[in-house]
Amino acid sequence: MPDAKQTERVQRFRKSRKERGDREMNVWVPGLIGAAIDQAVESGRFKSRQDVINHALEAMFAEKDRNVVT
C-alpha cells in the first residue's frame, strides 16, 4: 500500500504533466513489440520505455514531411 508522501508526489507529477498539455494513455502492445521496446532500452538507445514510445509516436504523427499514401 503506497504511503501518503508517495501518493502526493504522484499527484503533483500528474498535475504538472496535465498542466503542460500531456495526456496519459494506457495501451496494450503485442509481446513482440514490448520485447523490442525493452531491447531498445536495454541496449542504451533510449533511457526509458516512455522515450521509445514517444519517439515512435513522434516519428509517425509529428513529422512534417511524411509521405502518406491514402
PDB file of N, CA and C in Angstrom:
ATOM      1  N   MET A   1       0.839  -1.167   0.000  1.00  0.00           N
ATOM      2  CA  MET A   1       0.000   0.000   0.000  1.00  0.00           C
ATOM      3  C   MET A   1       0.893   1.243   0.000  1.00  0.00           C
ATOM      4  N   PRO A   2       0.683   2.158  -0.961  1.00  0.00           N
ATOM      5  CA  PRO A   2       1.551   3.328  -1.040  1.00  0.00           C
ATOM      6  C   PRO A   2       1.368   4.262   0.153  1.00  0.00           C
ATOM      7  N   ASP A   3       2.476   4.888   0.528  1.00  0.00           N
ATOM      8  CA  ASP A   3       2.370   5.830   1.646  1.00  0.00           C
ATOM      9  C   ASP A   3       1.844   7.182   1.152  1.00  0.00           C
ATOM     10  N   ALA A   4       1.469   8.047   2.090  1.00  0.00           N
ATOM     11  CA  ALA A   4       0.843   9.333   1.763  1.00  0.00           C
ATOM     12  C   ALA A   4       1.790  10.232   0.972  1.00  0.00           C
ATOM     13  N   LYS A   5       3.084  10.238   1.310  1.00  0.00           N
ATOM     14  CA  LYS A   5       4.044  11.085   0.601  1.00  0.00           C
ATOM     15  C   LYS A   5       4.203  10.645  -0.848  1.00  0.00           C
ATOM     16  N   GLN A   6       4.247   9.350  -1.050  1.00  0.00           N
ATOM     17  CA  GLN A   6       4.371   8.830  -2.413  1.00  0.00           C
ATOM     18  C   GLN A   6       3.128   9.192  -3.232  1.00  0.00           C
ATOM     19  N   THR A   7       1.964   9.034  -2.658  1.00  0.00           N
ATOM     20  CA  THR A   7       0.716   9.379  -3.335  1.00  0.00           C
ATOM     21  C   THR A   7       0.695  10.855  -3.702  1.00  0.00           C
ATOM     22  N   GLU A   8       1.142  11.691  -2.784  1.00  0.00           N
ATOM     23  CA  GLU A   8       1.183  13.137  -3.020  1.00  0.00           C
ATOM     24  C   GLU A   8       2.148  13.480  -4.156  1.00  0.00           C
ATOM     25  N   ARG A   9       3.316  12.826  -4.190  1.00  0.00           N
ATOM     26  CA  ARG A   9       4.286  13.059  -5.263  1.00  0.00           C
ATOM     27  C   ARG A   9       3.704  12.689  -6.615  1.00  0.00           C
ATOM     28  N   VAL A  10       3.039  11.557  -6.676  1.00  0.00           N
ATOM     29  CA  VAL A  10       2.427  11.100  -7.932  1.00  0.00           C
ATOM     30  C   VAL A  10       1.354  12.085  -8.386  1.00  0.00           C
ATOM     31  N   GLN A  11       0.550  12.557  -7.463  1.00  0.00           N
ATOM     32  CA  GLN A  11      -0.497  13.525  -7.809  1.00  0.00           C
ATOM     33  C   GLN A  11       0.102  14.828  -8.333  1.00  0.00           C
ATOM     34  N   ARG A  12       1.172  15.297  -7.703  1.00  0.00           N
ATOM     35  CA  ARG A  12       1.839  16.521  -8.182  1.00  0.00           C
ATOM     36  C   ARG A  12       2.428  16.309  -9.570  1.00  0.00           C
ATOM     37  N   PHE A  13       3.041  15.152  -9.773  1.00  0.00           N
ATOM     38  CA  PHE A  13       3.631  14.825 -11.064  1.00  0.00           C
ATOM     39  C   PHE A  13       2.563  14.810 -12.157  1.00  0.00           C
ATOM     40  N   ARG A  14       1.464  14.125 -11.897  1.00  0.00           N
ATOM     41  CA  ARG A  14       0.385  14.052 -12.889  1.00  0.00           C
ATOM     42  C   ARG A  14      -0.214  15.426 -13.156  1.00  0.00           C
ATOM     43  N   LYS A  15      -0.376  16.224 -12.124  1.00  0.00           N
ATOM     44  CA  LYS A  15      -0.927  17.573 -12.291  1.00  0.00           C
ATOM     45  C   LYS A  15      -0.005  18.416 -13.167  1.00  0.00           C
ATOM     46  N   SER A  16       1.293  18.348 -12.926  1.00  0.00           N
ATOM     47  CA  SER A  16       2.232  19.145 -13.713  1.00  0.00           C
ATOM     48  C   SER A  16       2.231  18.702 -15.175  1.00  0.00           C
ATOM     49  N   ARG A  17       2.128  17.399 -15.411  1.00  0.00           N
ATOM     50  CA  ARG A  17       2.078  16.902 -16.795  1.00  0.00           C
ATOM     51  C   ARG A  17       0.807  17.364 -17.493  1.00  0.00           C
ATOM     52  N   LYS A  18      -0.319  17.307 -16.793  1.00  0.00           N
ATOM     53  CA  LYS A  18      -1.586  17.765 -17.374  1.00  0.00           C
ATOM     54  C   LYS A  18      -1.521  19.254 -17.687  1.00  0.00           C
ATOM     55  N   GLU A  19      -0.928  20.043 -16.790  1.00  0.00           N
ATOM     56  CA  GLU A  19      -0.835  21.485 -16.995  1.00  0.00           C
ATOM     57  C   GLU A  19      -0.020  21.843 -18.227  1.00  0.00           C
ATOM     58  N   ARG A  20       0.952  21.013 -18.566  1.00  0.00           N
ATOM     59  CA  ARG A  20       1.743  21.313 -19.770  1.00  0.00           C
ATOM     60  C   ARG A  20       1.134  20.698 -21.025  1.00  0.00           C
ATOM     61  N   GLY A  21      -0.019  20.059 -20.873  1.00  0.00           N
ATOM     62  CA  GLY A  21      -0.757  19.567 -22.032  1.00  0.00           C
ATOM     63  C   GLY A  21      -0.570  18.101 -22.346  1.00  0.00           C
ATOM     64  N   ASP A  22       0.163  17.380 -21.514  1.00  0.00           N
ATOM     65  CA  ASP A  22       0.359  15.946 -21.747  1.00  0.00           C
ATOM     66  C   ASP A  22      -0.904  15.178 -21.396  1.00  0.00           C
ATOM     67  N   ARG A  23      -1.069  14.031 -22.021  1.00  0.00           N
ATOM     68  CA  ARG A  23      -2.195  13.150 -21.727  1.00  0.00           C
ATOM     69  C   ARG A  23      -1.673  11.769 -21.382  1.00  0.00           C
ATOM     70  N   GLU A  24      -2.279  11.151 -20.403  1.00  0.00           N
ATOM     71  CA  GLU A  24      -1.915   9.790 -20.033  1.00  0.00           C
ATOM     72  C   GLU A  24      -2.816   8.832 -20.802  1.00  0.00           C
ATOM     73  N   MET A  25      -2.184   7.843 -21.461  1.00  0.00           N
ATOM     74  CA  MET A  25      -2.932   6.847 -22.227  1.00  0.00           C
ATOM     75  C   MET A  25      -2.355   5.474 -21.904  1.00  0.00           C
ATOM     76  N   ASN A  26      -3.212   4.568 -21.598  1.00  0.00           N
ATOM     77  CA  ASN A  26      -2.785   3.196 -21.344  1.00  0.00           C
ATOM     78  C   ASN A  26      -3.164   2.342 -22.541  1.00  0.00           C
ATOM     79  N   VAL A  27      -2.198   1.611 -23.050  1.00  0.00           N
ATOM     80  CA  VAL A  27      -2.453   0.758 -24.213  1.00  0.00           C
ATOM     81  C   VAL A  27      -1.829  -0.613 -23.998  1.00  0.00           C
ATOM     82  N   TRP A  28      -2.402  -1.597 -24.644  1.00  0.00           N
ATOM     83  CA  TRP A  28      -1.831  -2.935 -24.674  1.00  0.00           C
ATOM     84  C   TRP A  28      -1.015  -3.060 -25.952  1.00  0.00           C
ATOM     85  N   VAL A  29       0.182  -3.615 -25.844  1.00  0.00           N
ATOM     86  CA  VAL A  29       1.015  -3.827 -27.029  1.00  0.00           C
ATOM     87  C   VAL A  29       1.299  -5.312 -27.174  1.00  0.00           C
ATOM     88  N   PRO A  30       1.425  -5.783 -28.419  1.00  0.00           N
ATOM     89  CA  PRO A  30       1.761  -7.189 -28.633  1.00  0.00           C
ATOM     90  C   PRO A  30       3.114  -7.536 -28.003  1.00  0.00           C
ATOM     91  N   GLY A  31       3.277  -8.791 -27.635  1.00  0.00           N
ATOM     92  CA  GLY A  31       4.502  -9.237 -26.980  1.00  0.00           C
ATOM     93  C   GLY A  31       5.763  -8.913 -27.742  1.00  0.00           C
ATOM     94  N   LEU A  32       5.748  -9.073 -29.067  1.00  0.00           N
ATOM     95  CA  LEU A  32       6.940  -8.786 -29.863  1.00  0.00           C
ATOM     96  C   LEU A  32       7.306  -7.300 -29.814  1.00  0.00           C
ATOM     97  N   ILE A  33       6.305  -6.438 -29.807  1.00  0.00           N
ATOM     98  CA  ILE A  33       6.563  -5.001 -29.723  1.00  0.00           C
ATOM     99  C   ILE A  33       7.113  -4.651 -28.340  1.00  0.00           C
ATOM    100  N   GLY A  34       6.525  -5.223 -27.309  1.00  0.00           N
ATOM    101  CA  GLY A  34       7.018  -4.989 -25.950  1.00  0.00           C
ATOM    102  C   GLY A  34       8.461  -5.431 -25.791  1.00  0.00           C
ATOM    103  N   ALA A  35       8.793  -6.580 -26.386  1.00  0.00           N
ATOM    104  CA  ALA A  35      10.165  -7.076 -26.313  1.00  0.00           C
ATOM    105  C   ALA A  35      11.120  -6.144 -27.060  1.00  0.00           C
ATOM    106  N   ALA A  36      10.684  -5.624 -28.202  1.00  0.00           N
ATOM    107  CA  ALA A  36      11.520  -4.694 -28.970  1.00  0.00           C
ATOM    108  C   ALA A  36      11.733  -3.395 -28.199  1.00  0.00           C
ATOM    109  N   ILE A  37      10.704  -2.925 -27.526  1.00  0.00           N
ATOM    110  CA  ILE A  37      10.819  -1.716 -26.705  1.00  0.00           C
ATOM    111  C   ILE A  37      11.816  -1.951 -25.575  1.00  0.00           C
ATOM    112  N   ASP A  38      11.679  -3.086 -24.895  1.00  0.00           N
ATOM    113  CA  ASP A  38      12.601  -3.410 -23.803  1.00  0.00           C
ATOM    114  C   ASP A  38      14.036  -3.520 -24.313  1.00  0.00           C
ATOM    115  N   GLN A  39      14.223  -4.112 -25.486  1.00  0.00           N
ATOM    116  CA  GLN A  39      15.559  -4.265 -26.060  1.00  0.00           C
ATOM    117  C   GLN A  39      16.176  -2.894 -26.376  1.00  0.00           C
ATOM    118  N   ALA A  40      15.364  -1.977 -26.875  1.00  0.00           N
ATOM    119  CA  ALA A  40      15.864  -0.636 -27.186  1.00  0.00           C
ATOM    120  C   ALA A  40      16.346   0.073 -25.917  1.00  0.00           C
ATOM    121  N   VAL A  41      15.666  -0.157 -24.805  1.00  0.00           N
ATOM    122  CA  VAL A  41      16.086   0.435 -23.530  1.00  0.00           C
ATOM    123  C   VAL A  41      17.335  -0.278 -23.010  1.00  0.00           C
ATOM    124  N   GLU A  42      17.327  -1.602 -23.034  1.00  0.00           N
ATOM    125  CA  GLU A  42      18.462  -2.373 -22.516  1.00  0.00           C
ATOM    126  C   GLU A  42      19.744  -2.106 -23.293  1.00  0.00           C
ATOM    127  N   SER A  43      19.619  -1.842 -24.591  1.00  0.00           N
ATOM    128  CA  SER A  43      20.804  -1.591 -25.413  1.00  0.00           C
ATOM    129  C   SER A  43      21.375  -0.190 -25.192  1.00  0.00           C
ATOM    130  N   GLY A  44      20.616   0.657 -24.483  1.00  0.00           N
ATOM    131  CA  GLY A  44      21.075   2.010 -24.207  1.00  0.00           C
ATOM    132  C   GLY A  44      20.665   3.025 -25.258  1.00  0.00           C
ATOM    133  N   ARG A  45      19.918   2.587 -26.256  1.00  0.00           N
ATOM    134  CA  ARG A  45      19.479   3.516 -27.310  1.00  0.00           C
ATOM    135  C   ARG A  45      18.515   4.558 -26.745  1.00  0.00           C
ATOM    136  N   PHE A  46      17.709   4.166 -25.770  1.00  0.00           N
ATOM    137  CA  PHE A  46      16.770   5.066 -25.117  1.00  0.00           C
ATOM    138  C   PHE A  46      16.909   4.889 -23.610  1.00  0.00           C
ATOM    139  N   LYS A  47      16.548   5.928 -22.848  1.00  0.00           N
ATOM    140  CA  LYS A  47      16.651   5.874 -21.391  1.00  0.00           C
ATOM    141  C   LYS A  47      15.496   5.112 -20.755  1.00  0.00           C
ATOM    142  N   SER A  48      14.319   5.142 -21.403  1.00  0.00           N
ATOM    143  CA  SER A  48      13.145   4.527 -20.793  1.00  0.00           C
ATOM    144  C   SER A  48      12.181   4.046 -21.872  1.00  0.00           C
ATOM    145  N   ARG A  49      11.225   3.238 -21.449  1.00  0.00           N
ATOM    146  CA  ARG A  49      10.172   2.805 -22.366  1.00  0.00           C
ATOM    147  C   ARG A  49       9.392   4.000 -22.879  1.00  0.00           C
ATOM    148  N   GLN A  50       9.146   4.954 -22.000  1.00  0.00           N
ATOM    149  CA  GLN A  50       8.409   6.145 -22.400  1.00  0.00           C
ATOM    150  C   GLN A  50       9.139   6.873 -23.529  1.00  0.00           C
ATOM    151  N   ASP A  51      10.459   6.974 -23.449  1.00  0.00           N
ATOM    152  CA  ASP A  51      11.232   7.626 -24.506  1.00  0.00           C
ATOM    153  C   ASP A  51      11.095   6.880 -25.835  1.00  0.00           C
ATOM    154  N   VAL A  52      11.124   5.548 -25.793  1.00  0.00           N
ATOM    155  CA  VAL A  52      10.971   4.745 -27.007  1.00  0.00           C
ATOM    156  C   VAL A  52       9.609   5.003 -27.635  1.00  0.00           C
ATOM    157  N   ILE A  53       8.574   4.926 -26.825  1.00  0.00           N
ATOM    158  CA  ILE A  53       7.209   5.082 -27.323  1.00  0.00           C
ATOM    159  C   ILE A  53       6.993   6.498 -27.849  1.00  0.00           C
ATOM    160  N   ASN A  54       7.476   7.519 -27.123  1.00  0.00           N
ATOM    161  CA  ASN A  54       7.346   8.893 -27.607  1.00  0.00           C
ATOM    162  C   ASN A  54       8.063   9.085 -28.939  1.00  0.00           C
ATOM    163  N   HIS A  55       9.241   8.513 -29.072  1.00  0.00           N
ATOM    164  CA  HIS A  55       9.992   8.614 -30.325  1.00  0.00           C
ATOM    165  C   HIS A  55       9.191   8.004 -31.480  1.00  0.00           C
ATOM    166  N   ALA A  56       8.648   6.831 -31.255  1.00  0.00           N
ATOM    167  CA  ALA A  56       7.879   6.160 -32.304  1.00  0.00           C
ATOM    168  C   ALA A  56       6.628   6.953 -32.677  1.00  0.00           C
ATOM    169  N   LEU A  57       5.930   7.476 -31.685  1.00  0.00           N
ATOM    170  CA  LEU A  57       4.720   8.248 -31.956  1.00  0.00           C
ATOM    171  C   LEU A  57       5.043   9.554 -32.691  1.00  0.00           C
ATOM    172  N   GLU A  58       6.107  10.226 -32.272  1.00  0.00           N
ATOM    173  CA  GLU A  58       6.507  11.452 -32.956  1.00  0.00           C
ATOM    174  C   GLU A  58       6.901  11.172 -34.397  1.00  0.00           C
ATOM    175  N   ALA A  59       7.620  10.074 -34.613  1.00  0.00           N
ATOM    176  CA  ALA A  59       8.026   9.716 -35.976  1.00  0.00           C
ATOM    177  C   ALA A  59       6.810   9.463 -36.861  1.00  0.00           C
ATOM    178  N   MET A  60       5.783   8.900 -36.297  1.00  0.00           N
ATOM    179  CA  MET A  60       4.593   8.579 -37.081  1.00  0.00           C
ATOM    180  C   MET A  60       3.649   9.759 -37.237  1.00  0.00           C
ATOM    181  N   PHE A  61       3.453  10.538 -36.200  1.00  0.00           N
ATOM    182  CA  PHE A  61       2.389  11.535 -36.212  1.00  0.00           C
ATOM    183  C   PHE A  61       2.845  12.990 -36.195  1.00  0.00           C
ATOM    184  N   ALA A  62       4.097  13.260 -35.883  1.00  0.00           N
ATOM    185  CA  ALA A  62       4.509  14.645 -35.729  1.00  0.00           C
ATOM    186  C   ALA A  62       5.482  15.133 -36.799  1.00  0.00           C
ATOM    187  N   GLU A  63       6.032  14.250 -37.607  1.00  0.00           N
ATOM    188  CA  GLU A  63       6.966  14.687 -38.638  1.00  0.00           C
ATOM    189  C   GLU A  63       6.231  15.481 -39.708  1.00  0.00           C
ATOM    190  N   LYS A  64       6.847  16.546 -40.159  1.00  0.00           N
ATOM    191  CA  LYS A  64       6.197  17.442 -41.107  1.00  0.00           C
ATOM    192  C   LYS A  64       6.195  16.902 -42.537  1.00  0.00           C
ATOM    193  N   ASP A  65       7.236  16.232 -42.941  1.00  0.00           N
ATOM    194  CA  ASP A  65       7.372  15.816 -44.342  1.00  0.00           C
ATOM    195  C   ASP A  65       7.134  14.325 -44.537  1.00  0.00           C
ATOM    196  N   ARG A  66       6.086  13.813 -43.940  1.00  0.00           N
ATOM    197  CA  ARG A  66       5.787  12.389 -44.114  1.00  0.00           C
ATOM    198  C   ARG A  66       5.169  12.164 -45.476  1.00  0.00           C
ATOM    199  N   ASN A  67       5.520  11.074 -46.100  1.00  0.00           N
ATOM    200  CA  ASN A  67       4.873  10.650 -47.352  1.00  0.00           C
ATOM    201  C   ASN A  67       3.802   9.651 -46.990  1.00  0.00           C
ATOM    202  N   VAL A  68       2.549  10.094 -47.020  1.00  0.00           N
ATOM    203  CA  VAL A  68       1.439   9.247 -46.630  1.00  0.00           C
ATOM    204  C   VAL A  68       0.596   8.973 -47.861  1.00  0.00           C
ATOM    205  N   VAL A  69       0.383   7.696 -48.107  1.00  0.00           N
ATOM    206  CA  VAL A  69      -0.468   7.292 -49.220  1.00  0.00           C
ATOM    207  C   VAL A  69      -1.815   6.905 -48.660  1.00  0.00           C
ATOM    208  N   THR A  70      -2.873   7.539 -49.155  1.00  0.00           N
ATOM    209  CA  THR A  70      -4.212   7.202 -48.677  1.00  0.00           C
ATOM    210  C   THR A  70      -5.064   6.657 -49.789  1.00  0.00           C
TER     211      THR A  70
END
